PDB file of N, CA and C in Angstrom:
ATOM      1  N   MET A   1       0.195  13.006  -1.356  1.00  0.00           N
ATOM      2  CA  MET A   1      -0.533  11.868  -1.792  1.00  0.00           C
ATOM      3  C   MET A   1      -0.015  11.758  -2.906  1.00  0.00           C
ATOM      4  N   GLY A   2       0.899  12.769  -3.739  1.00  0.00           N
ATOM      5  CA  GLY A   2       1.149  11.900  -4.934  1.00  0.00           C
ATOM      6  C   GLY A   2       2.188  10.591  -4.903  1.00  0.00           C
ATOM      7  N   ALA A   3       3.213  11.626  -3.944  1.00  0.00           N
ATOM      8  CA  ALA A   3       4.538  10.433  -3.672  1.00  0.00           C
ATOM      9  C   ALA A   3       3.965   9.267  -3.106  1.00  0.00           C
ATOM     10  N   TYR A   4       3.312   8.810  -2.627  1.00  0.00           N
ATOM     11  CA  TYR A   4       2.785   7.842  -1.921  1.00  0.00           C
ATOM     12  C   TYR A   4       2.252   7.031  -3.152  1.00  0.00           C
ATOM     13  N   GLU A   5       1.135   7.418  -4.325  1.00  0.00           N
ATOM     14  CA  GLU A   5       0.962   6.955  -5.198  1.00  0.00           C
ATOM     15  C   GLU A   5       1.988   6.506  -6.017  1.00  0.00           C
ATOM     16  N   PHE A   6       3.131   7.024  -6.061  1.00  0.00           N
ATOM     17  CA  PHE A   6       4.423   7.174  -7.187  1.00  0.00           C
ATOM     18  C   PHE A   6       4.976   6.003  -6.572  1.00  0.00           C
ATOM     19  N   SER A   7       5.086   5.654  -4.547  1.00  0.00           N
ATOM     20  CA  SER A   7       5.990   4.764  -4.461  1.00  0.00           C
ATOM     21  C   SER A   7       5.089   2.993  -4.632  1.00  0.00           C
ATOM     22  N   ARG A   8       3.733   3.353  -4.239  1.00  0.00           N
ATOM     23  CA  ARG A   8       2.845   2.558  -4.447  1.00  0.00           C
ATOM     24  C   ARG A   8       2.729   1.654  -6.065  1.00  0.00           C
ATOM     25  N   THR A   9       3.092   2.629  -6.635  1.00  0.00           N
ATOM     26  CA  THR A   9       3.137   1.762  -8.264  1.00  0.00           C
ATOM     27  C   THR A   9       4.589   1.558  -8.516  1.00  0.00           C
ATOM     28  N   LEU A  10       5.726   1.860  -7.857  1.00  0.00           N
ATOM     29  CA  LEU A  10       7.024   1.216  -8.038  1.00  0.00           C
ATOM     30  C   LEU A  10       7.151  -0.610  -7.328  1.00  0.00           C
ATOM     31  N   CYS A  11       6.493  -0.278  -6.260  1.00  0.00           N
ATOM     32  CA  CYS A  11       6.199  -1.223  -5.649  1.00  0.00           C
ATOM     33  C   CYS A  11       5.424  -2.451  -6.156  1.00  0.00           C
ATOM     34  N   ASP A  12       4.592  -1.851  -7.433  1.00  0.00           N
ATOM     35  CA  ASP A  12       3.832  -2.947  -8.206  1.00  0.00           C
ATOM     36  C   ASP A  12       4.907  -3.412  -8.929  1.00  0.00           C
ATOM     37  N   PHE A  13       6.037  -2.981  -9.261  1.00  0.00           N
ATOM     38  CA  PHE A  13       7.188  -3.498 -10.059  1.00  0.00           C
ATOM     39  C   PHE A  13       7.960  -4.137  -9.441  1.00  0.00           C
ATOM     40  N   GLU A  14       7.995  -4.047  -8.565  1.00  0.00           N
ATOM     41  CA  GLU A  14       9.371  -4.209  -7.740  1.00  0.00           C
ATOM     42  C   GLU A  14      10.001  -5.133  -8.061  1.00  0.00           C
ATOM     43  N   ASN A  15       9.901  -6.034  -8.913  1.00  0.00           N
ATOM     44  CA  ASN A  15      10.698  -7.470  -9.255  1.00  0.00           C
ATOM     45  C   ASN A  15      11.571  -6.762 -10.216  1.00  0.00           C
ATOM     46  N   ILE A  16      11.234  -5.348 -11.313  1.00  0.00           N
ATOM     47  CA  ILE A  16      12.231  -4.565 -11.631  1.00  0.00           C
ATOM     48  C   ILE A  16      14.092  -4.561 -11.268  1.00  0.00           C
ATOM     49  N   TYR A  17      13.691  -4.358  -9.982  1.00  0.00           N
ATOM     50  CA  TYR A  17      14.824  -3.603  -9.305  1.00  0.00           C
ATOM     51  C   TYR A  17      15.658  -4.738  -8.239  1.00  0.00           C
ATOM     52  N   GLY A  18      16.384  -4.352  -7.909  1.00  0.00           N
ATOM     53  CA  GLY A  18      17.258  -5.060  -7.064  1.00  0.00           C
ATOM     54  C   GLY A  18      16.640  -5.329  -5.253  1.00  0.00           C
ATOM     55  N   GLU A  19      16.984  -6.672  -4.607  1.00  0.00           N
ATOM     56  CA  GLU A  19      16.513  -6.766  -3.527  1.00  0.00           C
ATOM     57  C   GLU A  19      16.671  -5.141  -2.208  1.00  0.00           C
ATOM     58  N   ASN A  20      17.886  -4.556  -2.696  1.00  0.00           N
ATOM     59  CA  ASN A  20      18.227  -3.239  -1.527  1.00  0.00           C
ATOM     60  C   ASN A  20      17.170  -2.374  -2.000  1.00  0.00           C
ATOM     61  N   PHE A  21      16.843  -2.139  -3.275  1.00  0.00           N
ATOM     62  CA  PHE A  21      15.747  -0.833  -4.114  1.00  0.00           C
ATOM     63  C   PHE A  21      14.520  -1.176  -3.590  1.00  0.00           C
ATOM     64  N   LYS A  22      13.916  -2.551  -3.494  1.00  0.00           N
ATOM     65  CA  LYS A  22      12.744  -2.781  -3.383  1.00  0.00           C
ATOM     66  C   LYS A  22      12.591  -3.270  -2.053  1.00  0.00           C
ATOM     67  N   LYS A  23      13.193  -2.855  -1.337  1.00  0.00           N
ATOM     68  CA  LYS A  23      13.417  -2.953  -0.010  1.00  0.00           C
ATOM     69  C   LYS A  23      13.248  -1.418   0.963  1.00  0.00           C
ATOM     70  N   GLU A  24      13.721  -0.568  -0.052  1.00  0.00           N
ATOM     71  CA  GLU A  24      13.958   1.433   0.156  1.00  0.00           C
ATOM     72  C   GLU A  24      12.574   1.435  -0.452  1.00  0.00           C
ATOM     73  N   ILE A  25      12.479   1.141  -1.836  1.00  0.00           N
ATOM     74  CA  ILE A  25      11.004   1.625  -2.031  1.00  0.00           C
ATOM     75  C   ILE A  25       9.703   1.069  -1.022  1.00  0.00           C
ATOM     76  N   ASN A  26       9.623   0.328  -0.592  1.00  0.00           N
ATOM     77  CA  ASN A  26       8.992  -0.175   0.403  1.00  0.00           C
ATOM     78  C   ASN A  26       8.824   0.372   1.225  1.00  0.00           C
ATOM     79  N   ASP A  27       9.720   0.865   2.228  1.00  0.00           N
ATOM     80  CA  ASP A  27      10.250   1.547   2.981  1.00  0.00           C
ATOM     81  C   ASP A  27       9.599   3.284   3.203  1.00  0.00           C
ATOM     82  N   LEU A  28      10.176   3.501   1.419  1.00  0.00           N
ATOM     83  CA  LEU A  28       9.212   4.605   1.764  1.00  0.00           C
ATOM     84  C   LEU A  28       7.924   5.010   1.685  1.00  0.00           C
ATOM     85  N   LYS A  29       7.144   4.169   0.730  1.00  0.00           N
ATOM     86  CA  LYS A  29       5.602   3.433   0.854  1.00  0.00           C
ATOM     87  C   LYS A  29       5.142   3.324   2.141  1.00  0.00           C
ATOM     88  N   GLN A  30       5.565   2.513   3.130  1.00  0.00           N
ATOM     89  CA  GLN A  30       5.221   2.452   4.323  1.00  0.00           C
ATOM     90  C   GLN A  30       5.123   3.902   5.573  1.00  0.00           C
ATOM     91  N   GLU A  31       6.245   4.558   5.205  1.00  0.00           N
ATOM     92  CA  GLU A  31       6.482   5.669   5.690  1.00  0.00           C
ATOM     93  C   GLU A  31       5.629   7.149   4.934  1.00  0.00           C
ATOM     94  N   LEU A  32       5.449   7.130   4.006  1.00  0.00           N
ATOM     95  CA  LEU A  32       3.973   7.694   3.516  1.00  0.00           C
ATOM     96  C   LEU A  32       3.249   7.343   3.696  1.00  0.00           C
ATOM     97  N   ALA A  33       2.648   6.043   3.797  1.00  0.00           N
ATOM     98  CA  ALA A  33       1.397   5.406   3.784  1.00  0.00           C
ATOM     99  C   ALA A  33       0.896   6.249   5.606  1.00  0.00           C
ATOM    100  N   TYR A  34       1.447   6.518   6.646  1.00  0.00           N
ATOM    101  CA  TYR A  34       1.684   6.715   7.811  1.00  0.00           C
ATOM    102  C   TYR A  34       0.949   8.099   7.690  1.00  0.00           C
ATOM    103  N   LEU A  35       1.187   8.796   6.941  1.00  0.00           N
ATOM    104  CA  LEU A  35       0.750  10.459   6.813  1.00  0.00           C
ATOM    105  C   LEU A  35      -0.455  10.267   6.286  1.00  0.00           C
ATOM    106  N   ARG A  36      -0.523   9.212   5.075  1.00  0.00           N
ATOM    107  CA  ARG A  36      -1.641   9.964   3.932  1.00  0.00           C
ATOM    108  C   ARG A  36      -2.902   9.681   4.673  1.00  0.00           C
ATOM    109  N   MET A  37      -2.828   8.368   4.744  1.00  0.00           N
ATOM    110  CA  MET A  37      -3.937   7.517   5.736  1.00  0.00           C
ATOM    111  C   MET A  37      -4.624   8.749   6.430  1.00  0.00           C
ATOM    112  N   PRO A  38      -4.772   9.389   7.717  1.00  0.00           N
ATOM    113  CA  PRO A  38      -5.283  10.315   7.908  1.00  0.00           C
ATOM    114  C   PRO A  38      -5.551  11.162   7.496  1.00  0.00           C
ATOM    115  N   PHE A  39      -4.950  11.782   6.444  1.00  0.00           N
ATOM    116  CA  PHE A  39      -5.752  12.846   5.878  1.00  0.00           C
ATOM    117  C   PHE A  39      -6.505  12.778   4.808  1.00  0.00           C
ATOM    118  N   ALA A  40      -5.982  11.425   3.856  1.00  0.00           N
ATOM    119  CA  ALA A  40      -6.947  11.101   3.004  1.00  0.00           C
ATOM    120  C   ALA A  40      -8.157  10.276   3.152  1.00  0.00           C
ATOM    121  N   LYS A  41      -8.357   9.256   3.921  1.00  0.00           N
ATOM    122  CA  LYS A  41      -9.114   8.724   4.848  1.00  0.00           C
ATOM    123  C   LYS A  41     -10.082   8.749   6.003  1.00  0.00           C
ATOM    124  N   GLN A  42      -8.901   9.982   7.039  1.00  0.00           N
ATOM    125  CA  GLN A  42      -9.598  10.142   7.708  1.00  0.00           C
ATOM    126  C   GLN A  42      -9.494   9.336   9.023  1.00  0.00           C
ATOM    127  N   GLU A  43      -8.306   8.287   8.849  1.00  0.00           N
ATOM    128  CA  GLU A  43      -8.445   7.446   9.609  1.00  0.00           C
ATOM    129  C   GLU A  43      -7.327   6.794   9.902  1.00  0.00           C
ATOM    130  N   TYR A  44      -7.025   6.391  10.776  1.00  0.00           N
ATOM    131  CA  TYR A  44      -5.482   5.913  11.453  1.00  0.00           C
ATOM    132  C   TYR A  44      -5.089   5.169  10.118  1.00  0.00           C
ATOM    133  N   ARG A  45      -3.975   4.563  10.243  1.00  0.00           N
ATOM    134  CA  ARG A  45      -3.829   3.501   9.380  1.00  0.00           C
ATOM    135  C   ARG A  45      -3.634   2.337  10.252  1.00  0.00           C
ATOM    136  N   GLY A  46      -4.564   1.113   9.403  1.00  0.00           N
ATOM    137  CA  GLY A  46      -4.661   0.179  10.046  1.00  0.00           C
ATOM    138  C   GLY A  46      -6.179  -0.082  11.226  1.00  0.00           C
ATOM    139  N   LYS A  47      -6.675   0.873  11.396  1.00  0.00           N
ATOM    140  CA  LYS A  47      -7.368   1.052  12.350  1.00  0.00           C
ATOM    141  C   LYS A  47      -8.955   2.162  11.274  1.00  0.00           C
ATOM    142  N   LYS A  48      -9.856   1.224  11.117  1.00  0.00           N
ATOM    143  CA  LYS A  48     -11.094   1.330  10.251  1.00  0.00           C
ATOM    144  C   LYS A  48     -11.813   2.099  11.190  1.00  0.00           C
ATOM    145  N   ASN A  49     -12.835   2.963  10.922  1.00  0.00           N
ATOM    146  CA  ASN A  49     -14.135   4.114  11.589  1.00  0.00           C
ATOM    147  C   ASN A  49     -13.413   4.660  12.681  1.00  0.00           C
ATOM    148  N   THR A  50     -11.757   5.546  12.478  1.00  0.00           N
ATOM    149  CA  THR A  50     -11.275   6.072  13.509  1.00  0.00           C
ATOM    150  C   THR A  50     -11.821   7.497  13.194  1.00  0.00           C
ATOM    151  N   ASN A  51     -11.908   8.566  14.208  1.00  0.00           N
ATOM    152  CA  ASN A  51     -11.482   9.893  13.439  1.00  0.00           C
ATOM    153  C   ASN A  51     -10.437  11.011  13.296  1.00  0.00           C
ATOM    154  N   ALA A  52      -9.829  10.572  12.339  1.00  0.00           N
ATOM    155  CA  ALA A  52      -7.774  10.771  12.881  1.00  0.00           C
ATOM    156  C   ALA A  52      -8.237  12.210  12.302  1.00  0.00           C
ATOM    157  N   SER A  53      -9.304  12.833  11.261  1.00  0.00           N
ATOM    158  CA  SER A  53      -8.950  14.342  10.862  1.00  0.00           C
ATOM    159  C   SER A  53      -9.368  15.460  12.119  1.00  0.00           C
ATOM    160  N   LYS A  54      -9.796  15.250  13.146  1.00  0.00           N
ATOM    161  CA  LYS A  54      -9.616  15.696  14.676  1.00  0.00           C
ATOM    162  C   LYS A  54      -7.877  15.460  15.590  1.00  0.00           C
ATOM    163  N   SER A  55      -7.725  14.734  14.995  1.00  0.00           N
ATOM    164  CA  SER A  55      -6.786  14.953  16.069  1.00  0.00           C
ATOM    165  C   SER A  55      -5.729  15.082  14.894  1.00  0.00           C
ATOM    166  N   THR A  56      -5.589  14.728  13.756  1.00  0.00           N
ATOM    167  CA  THR A  56      -3.812  14.815  13.200  1.00  0.00           C
ATOM    168  C   THR A  56      -3.925  16.375  12.159  1.00  0.00           C
ATOM    169  N   TYR A  57      -3.116  17.443  12.827  1.00  0.00           N
ATOM    170  CA  TYR A  57      -2.828  18.649  12.261  1.00  0.00           C
ATOM    171  C   TYR A  57      -1.567  18.576  12.105  1.00  0.00           C
ATOM    172  N   ILE A  58      -1.277  19.678  11.189  1.00  0.00           N
ATOM    173  CA  ILE A  58       0.174  19.993  11.381  1.00  0.00           C
ATOM    174  C   ILE A  58       0.142  20.930  12.746  1.00  0.00           C
ATOM    175  N   SER A  59       1.056  20.043  13.444  1.00  0.00           N
ATOM    176  CA  SER A  59       1.406  20.555  14.891  1.00  0.00           C
ATOM    177  C   SER A  59       2.521  21.860  14.985  1.00  0.00           C
ATOM    178  N   ASN A  60       3.095  21.674  14.613  1.00  0.00           N
ATOM    179  CA  ASN A  60       4.403  22.722  14.068  1.00  0.00           C
ATOM    180  C   ASN A  60       4.965  23.560  12.725  1.00  0.00           C
ATOM    181  N   PHE A  61       5.394  25.006  12.573  1.00  0.00           N
ATOM    182  CA  PHE A  61       6.454  25.067  11.859  1.00  0.00           C
ATOM    183  C   PHE A  61       7.341  25.517  12.605  1.00  0.00           C
ATOM    184  N   ASN A  62       8.745  24.637  12.462  1.00  0.00           N
ATOM    185  CA  ASN A  62       9.937  24.580  12.857  1.00  0.00           C
ATOM    186  C   ASN A  62      10.881  25.867  12.376  1.00  0.00           C
ATOM    187  N   ASN A  63      11.028  27.131  12.860  1.00  0.00           N
ATOM    188  CA  ASN A  63      11.182  28.450  12.105  1.00  0.00           C
ATOM    189  C   ASN A  63      12.617  27.781  12.018  1.00  0.00           C
ATOM    190  N   GLU A  64      13.519  27.381  12.867  1.00  0.00           N
ATOM    191  CA  GLU A  64      14.953  26.813  12.850  1.00  0.00           C
ATOM    192  C   GLU A  64      14.943  26.434  11.698  1.00  0.00           C
ATOM    193  N   ASP A  65      14.543  24.910  11.424  1.00  0.00           N
ATOM    194  CA  ASP A  65      14.973  24.215  10.472  1.00  0.00           C
ATOM    195  C   ASP A  65      13.830  24.488   9.546  1.00  0.00           C
ATOM    196  N   LEU A  66      12.471  25.661   9.189  1.00  0.00           N
ATOM    197  CA  LEU A  66      12.427  25.848   7.903  1.00  0.00           C
ATOM    198  C   LEU A  66      11.654  24.723   7.792  1.00  0.00           C
ATOM    199  N   ASP A  67      10.535  23.883   8.576  1.00  0.00           N
ATOM    200  CA  ASP A  67      10.298  22.487   8.147  1.00  0.00           C
ATOM    201  C   ASP A  67       9.272  22.590   8.857  1.00  0.00           C
ATOM    202  N   TYR A  68       7.663  21.959   8.305  1.00  0.00           N
ATOM    203  CA  TYR A  68       6.759  21.381   9.032  1.00  0.00           C
ATOM    204  C   TYR A  68       7.007  20.340  10.097  1.00  0.00           C
ATOM    205  N   GLU A  69       5.830  20.077  10.280  1.00  0.00           N
ATOM    206  CA  GLU A  69       5.925  18.916  11.984  1.00  0.00           C
ATOM    207  C   GLU A  69       4.553  18.498  11.610  1.00  0.00           C
ATOM    208  N   PHE A  70       4.774  17.135  11.308  1.00  0.00           N
ATOM    209  CA  PHE A  70       3.086  16.630  11.441  1.00  0.00           C
ATOM    210  C   PHE A  70       3.066  15.604  12.777  1.00  0.00           C
ATOM    211  N   ASP A  71       2.030  15.877  13.630  1.00  0.00           N
ATOM    212  CA  ASP A  71       1.475  14.745  14.415  1.00  0.00           C
ATOM    213  C   ASP A  71       0.688  13.988  14.187  1.00  0.00           C
ATOM    214  N   VAL A  72       1.078  12.644  14.024  1.00  0.00           N
ATOM    215  CA  VAL A  72       0.145  11.774  13.412  1.00  0.00           C
ATOM    216  C   VAL A  72       0.070  10.446  14.764  1.00  0.00           C
ATOM    217  N   ASN A  73      -1.139  11.084  15.230  1.00  0.00           N
ATOM    218  CA  ASN A  73      -1.423   9.332  16.361  1.00  0.00           C
ATOM    219  C   ASN A  73      -0.112   9.686  17.408  1.00  0.00           C
ATOM    220  N   GLY A  74       0.486  10.850  17.868  1.00  0.00           N
ATOM    221  CA  GLY A  74       1.533  10.850  18.340  1.00  0.00           C
ATOM    222  C   GLY A  74       2.876  10.779  17.931  1.00  0.00           C
ATOM    223  N   LYS A  75       3.089  10.655  16.822  1.00  0.00           N
ATOM    224  CA  LYS A  75       4.424  10.348  16.003  1.00  0.00           C
ATOM    225  C   LYS A  75       4.761  11.710  14.877  1.00  0.00           C
ATOM    226  N   ILE A  76       5.803  12.209  15.009  1.00  0.00           N
ATOM    227  CA  ILE A  76       6.234  13.478  14.781  1.00  0.00           C
ATOM    228  C   ILE A  76       7.197  12.837  13.166  1.00  0.00           C
ATOM    229  N   ILE A  77       6.385  13.591  12.131  1.00  0.00           N
ATOM    230  CA  ILE A  77       6.383  13.192  11.064  1.00  0.00           C
ATOM    231  C   ILE A  77       6.599  14.543   9.930  1.00  0.00           C
ATOM    232  N   THR A  78       8.240  14.857   9.855  1.00  0.00           N
ATOM    233  CA  THR A  78       8.724  16.470   9.221  1.00  0.00           C
ATOM    234  C   THR A  78       8.523  16.090   7.682  1.00  0.00           C
ATOM    235  N   PHE A  79       8.175  17.366   7.308  1.00  0.00           N
ATOM    236  CA  PHE A  79       8.053  17.474   5.652  1.00  0.00           C
ATOM    237  C   PHE A  79       9.565  16.935   5.275  1.00  0.00           C
ATOM    238  N   LYS A  80      10.483  17.998   5.795  1.00  0.00           N
ATOM    239  CA  LYS A  80      11.995  17.196   4.716  1.00  0.00           C
ATOM    240  C   LYS A  80      12.470  15.510   4.823  1.00  0.00           C
ATOM    241  N   GLY A  81      12.226  15.302   5.803  1.00  0.00           N
ATOM    242  CA  GLY A  81      12.698  13.834   6.243  1.00  0.00           C
ATOM    243  C   GLY A  81      12.160  13.068   5.062  1.00  0.00           C
ATOM    244  N   LEU A  82      10.258  13.233   4.709  1.00  0.00           N
ATOM    245  CA  LEU A  82       9.532  12.784   3.890  1.00  0.00           C
ATOM    246  C   LEU A  82      10.459  13.086   2.481  1.00  0.00           C
ATOM    247  N   TYR A  83      10.417  14.321   2.488  1.00  0.00           N
ATOM    248  CA  TYR A  83      11.299  14.849   0.864  1.00  0.00           C
ATOM    249  C   TYR A  83      12.256  13.853   0.950  1.00  0.00           C
ATOM    250  N   TYR A  84      13.650  14.068   1.686  1.00  0.00           N
ATOM    251  CA  TYR A  84      14.819  13.819   1.470  1.00  0.00           C
ATOM    252  C   TYR A  84      14.527  11.869   1.336  1.00  0.00           C
ATOM    253  N   ASN A  85      13.516  11.184   1.609  1.00  0.00           N
ATOM    254  CA  ASN A  85      13.663   9.670   0.925  1.00  0.00           C
ATOM    255  C   ASN A  85      13.151   9.844   0.224  1.00  0.00           C
ATOM    256  N   PHE A  86      12.021  10.675  -0.381  1.00  0.00           N
ATOM    257  CA  PHE A  86      11.540  10.814  -1.733  1.00  0.00           C
ATOM    258  C   PHE A  86      12.427  10.154  -2.826  1.00  0.00           C
ATOM    259  N   LYS A  87      12.775  11.505  -2.275  1.00  0.00           N
ATOM    260  CA  LYS A  87      14.503  11.868  -3.772  1.00  0.00           C
ATOM    261  C   LYS A  87      15.523  11.132  -3.848  1.00  0.00           C
ATOM    262  N   LYS A  88      15.948  10.486  -2.317  1.00  0.00           N
ATOM    263  CA  LYS A  88      17.117   9.720  -2.265  1.00  0.00           C
ATOM    264  C   LYS A  88      16.450   8.066  -2.976  1.00  0.00           C
ATOM    265  N   VAL A  89      15.243   7.938  -3.048  1.00  0.00           N
ATOM    266  CA  VAL A  89      14.464   7.043  -4.054  1.00  0.00           C
ATOM    267  C   VAL A  89      14.461   7.420  -5.468  1.00  0.00           C
ATOM    268  N   PHE A  90      13.806   8.280  -5.404  1.00  0.00           N
ATOM    269  CA  PHE A  90      13.649   8.959  -6.832  1.00  0.00           C
ATOM    270  C   PHE A  90      14.869   9.213  -7.756  1.00  0.00           C
ATOM    271  N   GLU A  91      15.955   8.986  -7.020  1.00  0.00           N
ATOM    272  CA  GLU A  91      17.389   9.614  -8.000  1.00  0.00           C
ATOM    273  C   GLU A  91      17.491   7.963  -8.161  1.00  0.00           C
ATOM    274  N   LYS A  92      17.581   7.098  -7.654  1.00  0.00           N
ATOM    275  CA  LYS A  92      18.174   6.024  -8.089  1.00  0.00           C
ATOM    276  C   LYS A  92      17.490   5.569  -9.411  1.00  0.00           C
ATOM    277  N   ILE A  93      15.989   5.817  -9.723  1.00  0.00           N
ATOM    278  CA  ILE A  93      15.832   5.248 -11.012  1.00  0.00           C
ATOM    279  C   ILE A  93      15.989   5.606 -12.418  1.00  0.00           C
TER     280      ILE A  93
END
């Protein structure tokens, strides 16, 4: 959730950065928001009053890739994928 707040803050100051970087920040924020909403607000993004806490879970720990995979409303999100995208944006600051 901290990564989401970081990306949201960067979006507030997006005029400081070039257009390409602004798009990367916004894309990262959207990706993080997809995972954040069920855990922080117990609802799916854009769907108020849904009980996402019952259907959002760590679906798998992939031993081969040593990675957590989250199943959010049928969409699989990996920890390593989120980390890579966050790191890529963060390193440009």
